[in-house]
Amino acid sequence: MDPKWLIAAAVNGFIAVAAGAFGAHYLKTRLGAGELLTFEVAVRYQMYHALALLAVGTLAGRSTGVTLAAGWCFVGGIVLFSGSLYGLSLAGWKWLGPVTPLGGLLFLAGWLLLIVQGITAVRTSAGV
C-alpha cells in the first residue's frame, strides 16, 4: 500500500465521520431540512471516496499512472463536490453551486480510470 494514499483516505474518512457527527448532533437543530440534506450528501460522498482512496492506495504499487490519476480525480472531486456542498449548506455560498458538478465529473473520471485500469489488468493477465 502506498502510504500517501492511505493518509489521504484516512484524513477524508476522519473528516467525513466528524462532519457526520457534527451534522447529526449540532446542525440538526440549526439548519433547514434542505441545507441538512445537502450537508449529508457532502458527507456521504466524501466517505465513499475516502474508501475509494483506500483502493487506490492498495493498487498504487502494482499499477500504472492510471490508478494514480484516478486517486487525484477522487481527491479533486472531494474538494470540489463535497467542499462546495459544505459551503452551500453551512455558509449559503450560492456561487459554489456551479462548482459541485465539476466535482461530480471528477468522481466519474476517477471511476472510469479505475475501469480502464481493470480492463488493462485483465488483458495483461490474459496475454491480449
N, C-alpha and C. Protein backbone atom coordinates (compact mmCIF):
# COMPACT_ATOMS: atom_id res chain seq x y z
N MET A 1 0.85 -1.19 0.00
CA MET A 1 0.00 0.00 0.00
C MET A 1 0.88 1.23 0.00
N ASP A 2 0.49 2.21 -0.81
CA ASP A 2 1.20 3.48 -0.85
C ASP A 2 0.72 4.33 0.33
N PRO A 3 1.63 4.69 1.24
CA PRO A 3 1.21 5.41 2.45
C PRO A 3 0.59 6.78 2.20
N LYS A 4 0.94 7.42 1.10
CA LYS A 4 0.34 8.73 0.81
C LYS A 4 -1.17 8.60 0.57
N TRP A 5 -1.55 7.55 -0.15
CA TRP A 5 -2.98 7.34 -0.40
C TRP A 5 -3.69 6.87 0.86
N LEU A 6 -3.00 6.09 1.68
CA LEU A 6 -3.59 5.68 2.96
C LEU A 6 -3.87 6.91 3.82
N ILE A 7 -2.92 7.83 3.87
CA ILE A 7 -3.11 9.07 4.64
C ILE A 7 -4.28 9.88 4.07
N ALA A 8 -4.32 10.03 2.75
CA ALA A 8 -5.42 10.78 2.12
C ALA A 8 -6.77 10.14 2.43
N ALA A 9 -6.81 8.81 2.37
CA ALA A 9 -8.05 8.10 2.68
C ALA A 9 -8.44 8.29 4.14
N ALA A 10 -7.47 8.14 5.03
CA ALA A 10 -7.76 8.25 6.46
C ALA A 10 -8.18 9.67 6.85
N VAL A 11 -7.52 10.68 6.30
CA VAL A 11 -7.90 12.06 6.60
C VAL A 11 -9.32 12.33 6.14
N ASN A 12 -9.64 11.90 4.92
CA ASN A 12 -11.00 12.13 4.41
C ASN A 12 -12.04 11.31 5.15
N GLY A 13 -11.70 10.09 5.53
CA GLY A 13 -12.62 9.29 6.34
C GLY A 13 -12.87 9.93 7.69
N PHE A 14 -11.80 10.44 8.31
CA PHE A 14 -11.92 11.11 9.60
C PHE A 14 -12.82 12.34 9.48
N ILE A 15 -12.56 13.16 8.46
CA ILE A 15 -13.36 14.37 8.27
C ILE A 15 -14.82 14.02 8.03
N ALA A 16 -15.06 12.98 7.23
CA ALA A 16 -16.44 12.59 6.94
C ALA A 16 -17.17 12.13 8.20
N VAL A 17 -16.50 11.33 9.03
CA VAL A 17 -17.14 10.87 10.27
C VAL A 17 -17.38 12.05 11.22
N ALA A 18 -16.38 12.91 11.35
CA ALA A 18 -16.54 14.09 12.23
C ALA A 18 -17.64 15.01 11.72
N ALA A 19 -17.67 15.23 10.40
CA ALA A 19 -18.71 16.09 9.83
C ALA A 19 -20.09 15.46 9.99
N GLY A 20 -20.16 14.14 9.82
CA GLY A 20 -21.44 13.46 10.01
C GLY A 20 -21.95 13.59 11.43
N ALA A 21 -21.06 13.43 12.39
CA ALA A 21 -21.45 13.59 13.80
C ALA A 21 -21.86 15.04 14.08
N PHE A 22 -21.10 15.99 13.53
CA PHE A 22 -21.40 17.41 13.68
C PHE A 22 -22.80 17.71 13.12
N GLY A 23 -23.07 17.14 11.94
CA GLY A 23 -24.38 17.36 11.33
C GLY A 23 -25.51 16.74 12.14
N ALA A 24 -25.28 15.52 12.63
CA ALA A 24 -26.34 14.81 13.35
C ALA A 24 -26.62 15.41 14.72
N HIS A 25 -25.60 15.95 15.36
CA HIS A 25 -25.78 16.42 16.74
C HIS A 25 -25.89 17.93 16.89
N TYR A 26 -25.25 18.67 16.02
CA TYR A 26 -25.24 20.13 16.18
C TYR A 26 -26.09 20.81 15.11
N LEU A 27 -25.87 20.43 13.87
CA LEU A 27 -26.56 21.13 12.78
C LEU A 27 -28.03 20.75 12.63
N LYS A 28 -28.39 19.60 13.18
CA LYS A 28 -29.75 19.10 13.05
C LYS A 28 -30.80 20.12 13.48
N THR A 29 -30.48 20.89 14.50
CA THR A 29 -31.43 21.88 15.01
C THR A 29 -31.13 23.29 14.49
N ARG A 30 -30.09 23.44 13.69
CA ARG A 30 -29.68 24.78 13.25
C ARG A 30 -29.83 25.02 11.75
N LEU A 31 -29.96 23.95 10.98
CA LEU A 31 -30.13 24.10 9.54
C LEU A 31 -31.53 23.69 9.15
N GLY A 32 -31.98 24.24 8.04
CA GLY A 32 -33.26 23.81 7.49
C GLY A 32 -33.10 22.41 6.89
N ALA A 33 -34.21 21.79 6.56
CA ALA A 33 -34.18 20.42 6.03
C ALA A 33 -33.37 20.33 4.75
N GLY A 34 -33.50 21.31 3.87
CA GLY A 34 -32.76 21.30 2.60
C GLY A 34 -31.27 21.42 2.81
N GLU A 35 -30.87 22.34 3.68
CA GLU A 35 -29.45 22.52 3.94
C GLU A 35 -28.85 21.29 4.63
N LEU A 36 -29.61 20.69 5.53
CA LEU A 36 -29.13 19.50 6.23
C LEU A 36 -28.97 18.33 5.25
N LEU A 37 -29.90 18.20 4.32
CA LEU A 37 -29.81 17.15 3.31
C LEU A 37 -28.58 17.37 2.42
N THR A 38 -28.34 18.61 2.03
CA THR A 38 -27.16 18.94 1.23
C THR A 38 -25.89 18.59 1.98
N PHE A 39 -25.84 18.92 3.25
CA PHE A 39 -24.68 18.62 4.09
C PHE A 39 -24.47 17.10 4.16
N GLU A 40 -25.55 16.36 4.34
CA GLU A 40 -25.45 14.90 4.44
C GLU A 40 -24.96 14.27 3.14
N VAL A 41 -25.35 14.83 2.01
CA VAL A 41 -24.85 14.33 0.71
C VAL A 41 -23.34 14.57 0.63
N ALA A 42 -22.89 15.72 1.06
CA ALA A 42 -21.45 16.02 1.06
C ALA A 42 -20.68 15.01 1.90
N VAL A 43 -21.19 14.72 3.09
CA VAL A 43 -20.54 13.76 3.99
C VAL A 43 -20.51 12.38 3.34
N ARG A 44 -21.64 11.96 2.79
CA ARG A 44 -21.75 10.62 2.21
C ARG A 44 -20.76 10.44 1.06
N TYR A 45 -20.70 11.39 0.15
CA TYR A 45 -19.80 11.26 -0.99
C TYR A 45 -18.33 11.39 -0.57
N GLN A 46 -18.06 12.16 0.45
CA GLN A 46 -16.69 12.23 0.96
C GLN A 46 -16.27 10.87 1.51
N MET A 47 -17.16 10.21 2.25
CA MET A 47 -16.83 8.90 2.79
C MET A 47 -16.69 7.86 1.69
N TYR A 48 -17.59 7.86 0.73
CA TYR A 48 -17.48 6.90 -0.38
C TYR A 48 -16.10 7.01 -1.03
N HIS A 49 -15.67 8.23 -1.24
CA HIS A 49 -14.42 8.43 -1.96
C HIS A 49 -13.19 8.31 -1.07
N ALA A 50 -13.37 8.42 0.23
CA ALA A 50 -12.28 8.06 1.15
C ALA A 50 -12.02 6.56 1.02
N LEU A 51 -13.08 5.78 0.93
CA LEU A 51 -12.93 4.33 0.74
C LEU A 51 -12.31 4.02 -0.63
N ALA A 52 -12.71 4.79 -1.65
CA ALA A 52 -12.10 4.60 -2.97
C ALA A 52 -10.60 4.91 -2.92
N LEU A 53 -10.21 5.89 -2.13
CA LEU A 53 -8.79 6.20 -1.99
C LEU A 53 -8.02 5.06 -1.33
N LEU A 54 -8.68 4.31 -0.45
CA LEU A 54 -8.05 3.11 0.11
C LEU A 54 -7.74 2.11 -1.00
N ALA A 55 -8.69 1.95 -1.92
CA ALA A 55 -8.46 1.05 -3.05
C ALA A 55 -7.31 1.55 -3.92
N VAL A 56 -7.26 2.84 -4.16
CA VAL A 56 -6.17 3.41 -4.95
C VAL A 56 -4.83 3.14 -4.26
N GLY A 57 -4.79 3.33 -2.95
CA GLY A 57 -3.57 3.07 -2.20
C GLY A 57 -3.14 1.62 -2.29
N THR A 58 -4.10 0.73 -2.27
CA THR A 58 -3.80 -0.70 -2.37
C THR A 58 -3.28 -1.05 -3.76
N LEU A 59 -3.85 -0.44 -4.78
CA LEU A 59 -3.46 -0.74 -6.16
C LEU A 59 -2.23 0.03 -6.63
N ALA A 60 -1.90 1.11 -5.95
CA ALA A 60 -0.87 2.03 -6.45
C ALA A 60 0.48 1.38 -6.68
N GLY A 61 0.87 0.43 -5.87
CA GLY A 61 2.18 -0.19 -6.03
C GLY A 61 2.25 -1.17 -7.19
N ARG A 62 1.10 -1.63 -7.68
CA ARG A 62 1.08 -2.66 -8.72
C ARG A 62 0.43 -2.18 -10.01
N SER A 63 0.35 -0.90 -10.23
CA SER A 63 -0.40 -0.43 -11.38
C SER A 63 0.33 0.70 -12.09
N THR A 64 -0.31 1.20 -13.10
CA THR A 64 0.24 2.29 -13.89
C THR A 64 -0.21 3.63 -13.32
N GLY A 65 0.14 4.67 -14.02
CA GLY A 65 -0.29 6.01 -13.62
C GLY A 65 -1.78 6.22 -13.71
N VAL A 66 -2.49 5.30 -14.38
CA VAL A 66 -3.94 5.43 -14.50
C VAL A 66 -4.58 5.39 -13.11
N THR A 67 -4.13 4.48 -12.27
CA THR A 67 -4.68 4.38 -10.93
C THR A 67 -4.37 5.64 -10.12
N LEU A 68 -3.17 6.15 -10.26
CA LEU A 68 -2.81 7.38 -9.54
C LEU A 68 -3.66 8.56 -10.03
N ALA A 69 -3.90 8.61 -11.34
CA ALA A 69 -4.77 9.67 -11.87
C ALA A 69 -6.17 9.54 -11.29
N ALA A 70 -6.65 8.30 -11.14
CA ALA A 70 -7.96 8.10 -10.52
C ALA A 70 -7.97 8.64 -9.10
N GLY A 71 -6.90 8.38 -8.36
CA GLY A 71 -6.81 8.89 -6.99
C GLY A 71 -6.88 10.41 -6.95
N TRP A 72 -6.15 11.04 -7.86
CA TRP A 72 -6.17 12.51 -7.88
C TRP A 72 -7.55 13.03 -8.28
N CYS A 73 -8.23 12.31 -9.17
CA CYS A 73 -9.60 12.70 -9.51
C CYS A 73 -10.51 12.60 -8.28
N PHE A 74 -10.33 11.54 -7.49
CA PHE A 74 -11.15 11.40 -6.28
C PHE A 74 -10.85 12.52 -5.28
N VAL A 75 -9.59 12.87 -5.12
CA VAL A 75 -9.23 13.96 -4.19
C VAL A 75 -9.84 15.27 -4.69
N GLY A 76 -9.67 15.56 -5.98
CA GLY A 76 -10.26 16.78 -6.54
C GLY A 76 -11.77 16.78 -6.43
N GLY A 77 -12.38 15.62 -6.65
CA GLY A 77 -13.83 15.52 -6.53
C GLY A 77 -14.31 15.79 -5.12
N ILE A 78 -13.57 15.26 -4.14
CA ILE A 78 -13.94 15.53 -2.74
C ILE A 78 -13.89 17.03 -2.46
N VAL A 79 -12.82 17.67 -2.90
CA VAL A 79 -12.66 19.10 -2.64
C VAL A 79 -13.78 19.90 -3.33
N LEU A 80 -14.00 19.61 -4.61
CA LEU A 80 -14.98 20.42 -5.36
C LEU A 80 -16.42 20.03 -5.05
N PHE A 81 -16.71 18.72 -5.01
CA PHE A 81 -18.09 18.29 -4.79
C PHE A 81 -18.49 18.47 -3.33
N SER A 82 -17.82 17.74 -2.44
CA SER A 82 -18.19 17.84 -1.02
C SER A 82 -17.90 19.22 -0.48
N GLY A 83 -16.76 19.79 -0.86
CA GLY A 83 -16.41 21.13 -0.37
C GLY A 83 -17.44 22.17 -0.75
N SER A 84 -17.90 22.13 -2.00
CA SER A 84 -18.90 23.11 -2.42
C SER A 84 -20.23 22.89 -1.70
N LEU A 85 -20.59 21.62 -1.49
CA LEU A 85 -21.84 21.37 -0.76
C LEU A 85 -21.74 21.81 0.70
N TYR A 86 -20.56 21.63 1.31
CA TYR A 86 -20.38 22.15 2.67
C TYR A 86 -20.56 23.66 2.69
N GLY A 87 -19.96 24.34 1.72
CA GLY A 87 -20.09 25.80 1.65
C GLY A 87 -21.51 26.26 1.39
N LEU A 88 -22.21 25.53 0.52
CA LEU A 88 -23.61 25.87 0.23
C LEU A 88 -24.49 25.70 1.46
N SER A 89 -24.30 24.58 2.16
CA SER A 89 -25.20 24.28 3.28
C SER A 89 -24.86 25.08 4.53
N LEU A 90 -23.60 25.29 4.80
CA LEU A 90 -23.20 25.95 6.05
C LEU A 90 -23.16 27.47 5.94
N ALA A 91 -22.67 27.96 4.80
CA ALA A 91 -22.49 29.41 4.67
C ALA A 91 -23.47 30.05 3.69
N GLY A 92 -24.22 29.22 2.96
CA GLY A 92 -25.15 29.77 1.99
C GLY A 92 -24.47 30.37 0.78
N TRP A 93 -23.27 29.94 0.48
CA TRP A 93 -22.50 30.48 -0.65
C TRP A 93 -23.05 29.93 -1.95
N LYS A 94 -24.04 30.58 -2.49
CA LYS A 94 -24.71 30.13 -3.71
C LYS A 94 -23.77 30.09 -4.91
N TRP A 95 -22.72 30.91 -4.91
CA TRP A 95 -21.79 30.93 -6.03
C TRP A 95 -21.06 29.60 -6.19
N LEU A 96 -21.10 28.74 -5.14
CA LEU A 96 -20.46 27.43 -5.24
C LEU A 96 -21.30 26.41 -6.00
N GLY A 97 -22.56 26.73 -6.25
CA GLY A 97 -23.45 25.81 -6.95
C GLY A 97 -22.86 25.25 -8.25
N PRO A 98 -22.28 26.09 -9.12
CA PRO A 98 -21.72 25.57 -10.36
C PRO A 98 -20.44 24.73 -10.17
N VAL A 99 -19.84 24.80 -9.00
CA VAL A 99 -18.62 24.02 -8.74
C VAL A 99 -18.96 22.56 -8.47
N THR A 100 -20.09 22.31 -7.86
CA THR A 100 -20.47 20.95 -7.46
C THR A 100 -20.44 19.95 -8.62
N PRO A 101 -21.02 20.27 -9.77
CA PRO A 101 -20.97 19.30 -10.88
C PRO A 101 -19.56 19.01 -11.36
N LEU A 102 -18.65 19.97 -11.24
CA LEU A 102 -17.26 19.72 -11.64
C LEU A 102 -16.65 18.63 -10.76
N GLY A 103 -16.96 18.69 -9.46
CA GLY A 103 -16.50 17.64 -8.56
C GLY A 103 -17.11 16.30 -8.91
N GLY A 104 -18.38 16.31 -9.28
CA GLY A 104 -19.04 15.08 -9.71
C GLY A 104 -18.39 14.50 -10.96
N LEU A 105 -18.01 15.36 -11.89
CA LEU A 105 -17.31 14.91 -13.09
C LEU A 105 -15.96 14.29 -12.74
N LEU A 106 -15.28 14.88 -11.77
CA LEU A 106 -14.01 14.28 -11.34
C LEU A 106 -14.22 12.91 -10.70
N PHE A 107 -15.29 12.76 -9.91
CA PHE A 107 -15.61 11.43 -9.36
C PHE A 107 -15.82 10.43 -10.49
N LEU A 108 -16.62 10.82 -11.48
CA LEU A 108 -16.88 9.93 -12.62
C LEU A 108 -15.60 9.59 -13.37
N ALA A 109 -14.75 10.60 -13.57
CA ALA A 109 -13.48 10.35 -14.26
C ALA A 109 -12.62 9.36 -13.48
N GLY A 110 -12.59 9.51 -12.16
CA GLY A 110 -11.82 8.58 -11.33
C GLY A 110 -12.31 7.16 -11.47
N TRP A 111 -13.62 6.97 -11.46
CA TRP A 111 -14.18 5.63 -11.61
C TRP A 111 -13.91 5.08 -13.00
N LEU A 112 -14.02 5.92 -14.02
CA LEU A 112 -13.70 5.47 -15.38
C LEU A 112 -12.23 5.05 -15.50
N LEU A 113 -11.35 5.80 -14.86
CA LEU A 113 -9.93 5.44 -14.88
C LEU A 113 -9.69 4.09 -14.19
N LEU A 114 -10.42 3.82 -13.13
CA LEU A 114 -10.28 2.51 -12.49
C LEU A 114 -10.82 1.40 -13.39
N ILE A 115 -11.87 1.69 -14.15
CA ILE A 115 -12.37 0.72 -15.12
C ILE A 115 -11.29 0.43 -16.16
N VAL A 116 -10.67 1.49 -16.67
CA VAL A 116 -9.58 1.33 -17.64
C VAL A 116 -8.46 0.49 -17.04
N GLN A 117 -8.09 0.78 -15.80
CA GLN A 117 -7.03 0.02 -15.14
C GLN A 117 -7.42 -1.46 -15.02
N GLY A 118 -8.67 -1.72 -14.67
CA GLY A 118 -9.13 -3.10 -14.56
C GLY A 118 -9.10 -3.83 -15.90
N ILE A 119 -9.58 -3.17 -16.95
CA ILE A 119 -9.56 -3.78 -18.28
C ILE A 119 -8.13 -4.06 -18.72
N THR A 120 -7.24 -3.12 -18.45
CA THR A 120 -5.82 -3.30 -18.80
C THR A 120 -5.24 -4.49 -18.05
N ALA A 121 -5.57 -4.62 -16.78
CA ALA A 121 -5.05 -5.73 -15.98
C ALA A 121 -5.59 -7.07 -16.49
N VAL A 122 -6.87 -7.12 -16.88
CA VAL A 122 -7.45 -8.35 -17.41
C VAL A 122 -6.77 -8.73 -18.72
N ARG A 123 -6.58 -7.76 -19.58
CA ARG A 123 -5.92 -8.02 -20.88
C ARG A 123 -4.48 -8.48 -20.67
N THR A 124 -3.79 -7.85 -19.75
CA THR A 124 -2.40 -8.23 -19.49
C THR A 124 -2.31 -9.65 -18.96
N SER A 125 -3.18 -9.99 -18.04
CA SER A 125 -3.14 -11.34 -17.46
C SER A 125 -3.59 -12.40 -18.46
N ALA A 126 -4.41 -12.00 -19.44
CA ALA A 126 -4.87 -12.95 -20.46
C ALA A 126 -3.91 -13.01 -21.65
N GLY A 127 -2.90 -12.15 -21.63
CA GLY A 127 -1.93 -12.13 -22.72
C GLY A 127 -2.45 -11.47 -23.98
N VAL A 128 -3.43 -10.62 -23.85
CA VAL A 128 -4.03 -9.95 -25.02
C VAL A 128 -3.28 -8.67 -25.31
